[in-house]
Protein backbone atom coordinates (compact mmCIF):
# COMPACT_ATOMS: atom_id res chain seq x y z
CA MET A 1 30.31 -105.83 2.80
CA GLU A 2 33.23 -107.86 3.94
CA SER A 3 32.90 -110.60 0.92
CA ILE A 4 34.21 -109.78 -2.34
CA GLU A 5 35.04 -112.09 -5.32
CA ASP A 6 35.25 -112.50 -9.18
CA LEU A 7 37.21 -109.52 -9.56
CA ALA A 8 38.27 -108.19 -12.97
CA VAL A 9 39.51 -104.92 -14.40
CA GLY A 10 38.13 -103.70 -17.57
CA PRO A 11 37.82 -100.75 -20.11
CA CYS A 12 35.58 -97.78 -19.24
CA ALA A 13 33.98 -96.73 -22.50
CA ALA A 14 31.30 -94.79 -20.79
CA SER A 15 30.10 -93.62 -17.34
CA LEU A 16 27.10 -92.02 -15.61
CA TYR A 17 29.75 -90.55 -13.18
CA LEU A 18 32.78 -89.41 -14.58
CA ARG A 19 34.44 -88.64 -18.06
CA PRO A 20 38.15 -88.39 -18.62
CA LEU A 21 39.28 -85.44 -20.73
CA ARG A 22 42.63 -83.84 -21.66
CA LEU A 23 43.22 -80.11 -21.71
CA ARG A 24 45.57 -78.31 -23.83
CA TYR A 25 46.69 -75.09 -23.15
CA ARG A 26 49.49 -72.34 -22.64
CA GLN A 27 50.58 -70.72 -19.38
CA ASN A 28 53.02 -67.98 -19.35
CA GLY A 29 54.04 -68.86 -23.09
CA VAL A 30 54.53 -72.59 -22.04
CA SER A 31 52.48 -75.27 -23.63
CA LYS A 32 51.00 -77.89 -21.37
CA ILE A 33 48.86 -80.74 -21.28
CA TRP A 34 46.82 -81.83 -18.42
CA ASP A 35 44.53 -85.01 -18.09
CA PHE A 36 41.54 -84.63 -15.77
CA MET A 37 37.96 -86.17 -15.02
CA LYS A 38 34.65 -84.45 -15.22
CA THR A 39 32.70 -85.34 -12.46
CA HIS A 40 29.44 -84.24 -10.37
CA ASP A 41 29.63 -81.96 -7.48
CA SER A 42 28.63 -83.33 -4.32
CA VAL A 43 27.13 -82.83 -0.72
CA SER A 44 28.24 -84.34 2.73
CA ILE A 45 26.70 -83.93 6.04
CA LEU A 46 28.23 -84.09 9.39
CA ILE A 47 25.45 -85.63 11.67
CA PHE A 48 25.26 -85.44 15.47
CA ASN A 49 22.80 -87.32 17.45
CA THR A 50 21.95 -85.13 20.52
CA SER A 51 20.17 -88.04 22.23
CA ARG A 52 23.09 -90.36 22.18
CA GLN A 53 25.91 -87.49 22.13
CA CYS A 54 27.63 -89.35 19.22
CA PHE A 55 28.57 -88.56 15.39
CA VAL A 56 26.70 -90.79 13.04
CA VAL A 57 28.98 -91.73 10.06
CA VAL A 58 29.07 -94.42 7.32
CA LYS A 59 31.07 -97.15 6.74
CA GLN A 60 31.24 -98.51 2.91
CA PHE A 61 33.53 -100.54 0.51
CA ARG A 62 35.22 -98.25 -1.98
CA PRO A 63 36.51 -99.82 -5.09
CA ALA A 64 38.97 -97.10 -5.83
CA VAL A 65 40.45 -97.46 -2.37
CA TYR A 66 40.65 -101.23 -2.77
CA MET A 67 42.40 -100.96 -6.25
CA CYS A 68 44.91 -98.55 -4.76
CA GLU A 69 45.58 -101.28 -1.92
CA MET A 70 45.87 -103.84 -4.70
CA ASP A 71 48.34 -101.57 -6.94
CA GLN A 72 50.73 -101.82 -3.74
CA HIS A 73 50.40 -105.22 -2.76
CA CYS A 74 49.68 -106.91 -6.10
CA PRO A 75 51.48 -104.83 -8.92
CA GLN A 76 51.13 -107.70 -11.40
CA ASP A 77 47.41 -106.80 -11.76
CA PHE A 78 48.53 -103.61 -13.30
CA GLU A 79 51.00 -104.42 -15.92
CA SER A 80 48.40 -103.37 -18.50
CA ASN A 81 47.64 -99.61 -18.06
CA ALA A 82 44.47 -99.82 -20.52
CA PRO A 83 42.87 -103.17 -20.54
CA GLU A 84 40.69 -103.75 -23.84
CA THR A 85 38.82 -106.60 -22.13
CA TRP A 86 37.92 -107.67 -18.86
CA CYS A 87 40.89 -109.29 -17.14
CA PRO A 88 40.49 -111.20 -13.94
CA LEU A 89 42.69 -110.12 -10.99
CA LYS A 90 45.56 -112.35 -10.21
CA GLY A 91 46.04 -111.23 -6.63
CA THR A 92 43.46 -110.62 -3.92
CA LEU A 93 43.00 -108.83 -0.70
CA PRO A 94 40.53 -108.91 1.86
CA ALA A 95 37.55 -106.66 1.32
CA SER A 96 38.24 -104.74 4.49
CA SER A 97 41.32 -103.15 2.64
CA GLY A 98 38.61 -100.90 0.57
CA VAL A 99 36.53 -100.34 3.35
CA THR A 100 36.50 -96.35 4.67
CA TYR A 101 34.50 -94.32 7.31
CA GLU A 102 32.94 -91.36 5.59
CA LEU A 103 30.26 -88.56 6.12
CA CYS A 104 26.98 -89.33 4.82
CA ALA A 105 27.07 -87.92 1.28
CA GLY A 106 25.87 -87.83 -2.20
CA ILE A 107 26.43 -86.40 -5.73
CA VAL A 108 24.48 -83.42 -6.99
CA ASP A 109 22.75 -84.98 -10.10
CA LYS A 110 19.44 -83.78 -9.70
CA ALA A 111 19.13 -80.25 -11.05
CA GLU A 112 15.48 -79.58 -9.58
CA LEU A 113 16.70 -80.05 -6.03
CA SER A 114 18.59 -77.61 -3.89
CA LEU A 115 21.99 -78.74 -2.51
CA GLU A 116 19.85 -78.62 1.25
CA GLU A 117 17.16 -80.96 -0.49
CA ILE A 118 19.74 -83.42 -1.79
CA ALA A 119 21.46 -83.44 1.57
CA CYS A 120 18.33 -84.31 3.49
CA GLN A 121 17.56 -87.15 1.09
CA GLU A 122 20.88 -88.47 1.53
CA VAL A 123 20.84 -88.35 5.36
CA LEU A 124 17.30 -90.43 5.15
CA GLU A 125 18.52 -92.92 2.77
CA GLU A 126 21.95 -93.35 4.27
CA CYS A 127 21.46 -93.09 7.86
CA GLY A 128 17.63 -93.11 8.46
CA TYR A 129 17.11 -89.90 9.97
CA GLU A 130 14.39 -87.31 8.84
CA VAL A 131 16.16 -84.01 8.80
CA PRO A 132 14.12 -80.75 7.79
CA LEU A 133 15.45 -78.28 5.68
CA ALA A 134 15.68 -75.75 8.36
CA GLY A 135 17.69 -78.36 10.38
CA LEU A 136 20.68 -78.02 8.00
CA LYS A 137 23.51 -75.84 8.68
CA ARG A 138 25.83 -74.82 5.71
CA ILE A 139 29.56 -75.33 6.79
CA THR A 140 31.47 -74.36 3.91
CA SER A 141 32.45 -75.90 0.21
CA TYR A 142 35.80 -76.69 -1.27
CA ARG A 143 37.15 -78.19 -4.48
CA SER A 144 38.15 -81.94 -3.98
CA GLY A 145 40.44 -83.64 -6.08
CA VAL A 146 42.16 -80.50 -7.35
CA GLY A 147 44.54 -82.46 -9.41
CA VAL A 148 42.04 -84.96 -10.99
CA THR A 149 38.54 -83.65 -10.86
CA GLY A 150 38.49 -80.32 -9.15
CA SER A 151 34.65 -80.86 -8.20
CA LYS A 152 32.97 -78.99 -5.70
CA GLN A 153 31.80 -80.67 -2.27
CA THR A 154 29.41 -78.62 0.13
CA LEU A 155 29.39 -79.38 3.58
CA PHE A 156 26.32 -79.49 5.86
CA TYR A 157 25.77 -79.94 9.71
CA ALA A 158 22.71 -81.32 11.27
CA GLU A 159 21.67 -82.49 14.68
CA VAL A 160 19.26 -85.25 15.11
CA THR A 161 17.60 -87.20 17.84
CA ASP A 162 16.52 -90.61 18.16
CA GLU A 163 12.81 -89.66 17.52
CA MET A 164 13.99 -88.60 14.07
CA LYS A 165 15.02 -91.94 12.97
CA THR A 166 12.31 -93.26 10.78
CA GLY A 167 14.34 -95.65 8.65
CA LYS A 168 17.29 -98.12 9.26
CA GLY A 169 19.66 -96.33 6.52
CA GLY A 170 22.05 -98.39 4.49
CA GLY A 171 21.71 -96.69 1.22
CA ARG A 172 19.61 -97.63 -1.76
CA PRO A 173 20.02 -101.46 -2.80
CA GLU A 174 18.55 -100.96 -5.98
CA GLU A 175 21.38 -98.71 -6.80
CA GLY A 176 24.06 -100.90 -5.62
CA GLU A 177 24.50 -99.36 -2.36
CA LEU A 178 25.80 -101.24 0.72
CA ILE A 179 26.30 -98.79 3.78
CA GLU A 180 26.75 -99.66 7.38
CA VAL A 181 25.72 -96.84 9.75
CA VAL A 182 28.41 -96.29 12.61
CA GLU A 183 28.04 -94.17 15.65
CA ILE A 184 31.50 -92.29 17.02
CA PRO A 185 30.90 -91.37 20.59
CA LEU A 186 31.71 -87.62 21.19
CA PRO A 187 34.54 -88.42 23.83
CA ASP A 188 36.20 -90.74 21.32
CA SER A 189 35.89 -88.67 18.25
CA MET A 190 39.26 -86.93 18.15
CA ASP A 191 41.12 -90.30 18.78
CA PHE A 192 39.17 -91.71 15.88
CA ALA A 193 39.86 -89.29 13.71
CA PHE A 194 43.47 -89.50 13.78
CA ASP A 195 43.79 -93.21 14.18
CA GLU A 196 45.00 -94.57 11.14
CA THR A 197 43.76 -98.03 11.76
CA PHE A 198 40.24 -96.61 10.83
CA PRO A 199 40.70 -95.50 7.14
CA LYS A 200 38.62 -92.53 6.61
CA THR A 201 38.10 -89.45 4.31
CA MET A 202 39.78 -86.12 5.23
CA GLY A 203 35.78 -84.75 5.51
CA VAL A 204 35.53 -86.75 8.66
CA MET A 205 38.74 -85.40 10.24
CA PHE A 206 37.99 -81.84 9.07
CA CYS A 207 34.41 -81.92 10.27
CA PHE A 208 35.21 -83.49 13.78
CA MET A 209 37.57 -80.57 14.64
CA TRP A 210 35.28 -78.15 13.10
CA PHE A 211 32.53 -79.45 15.63
CA HIS A 212 34.93 -79.35 18.56
CA ASN A 213 35.98 -75.80 18.03
CA ASN A 214 32.26 -74.30 17.12
CA ILE A 215 29.84 -76.64 18.68
CA ALA A 216 31.21 -78.41 21.33
CA PRO A 217 31.92 -75.40 23.42
CA LYS A 218 27.96 -74.62 23.39
CA LEU A 219 26.81 -78.13 24.28
CA PRO A 220 24.96 -77.99 27.81
CA GLU A 221 27.05 -79.25 30.62
CA LYS A 222 26.30 -82.67 31.79
CA SER A 223 24.95 -83.15 35.24
CA GLU A 224 26.76 -85.40 37.45
């Protein structure tokens, strides 16, 4: 995960995951244009291991995050807004610049499966836990990237035990996934959530706070 090389930026003529579009409309009599991306909806899962009293999150390299860092530190690589061919990047940053901590998650791209079924698949593939459908609790859903994508993400909560670990996780290598499973001890979770030295998604921060408000007060007291 920490090694990245041969970087180049090129045109995106077609994609399985997003499609750029431009909307033309009138609002209160004023003509407007807005560019947006059509993308898949998604699910994410807050996983709490009751055996270890810790959260289970994932850590992975995100090219979009990396390129935003590159834009700040190596602006010369963005002199052309729309490259017509593959252009090797002149500057380089360590791969860690694009690594983030996230909830286990996945896109909704299987029409034959429910959101719950997709969520359970993602937990098994990314983190190695076998969670039954009845073991999922729906937290809420929200619109993410409202200025660019507007896609919907649905959040679930799942409690797991060590006995439910049936695989090593790590994602699906055949799909290019390279995921590291990370455990965040419950007592350290709020410090972690607001520690900016650990790049993370808003979902992690929101769900840790949700847990402390809704689940933590109901946890059994530890015996001394």
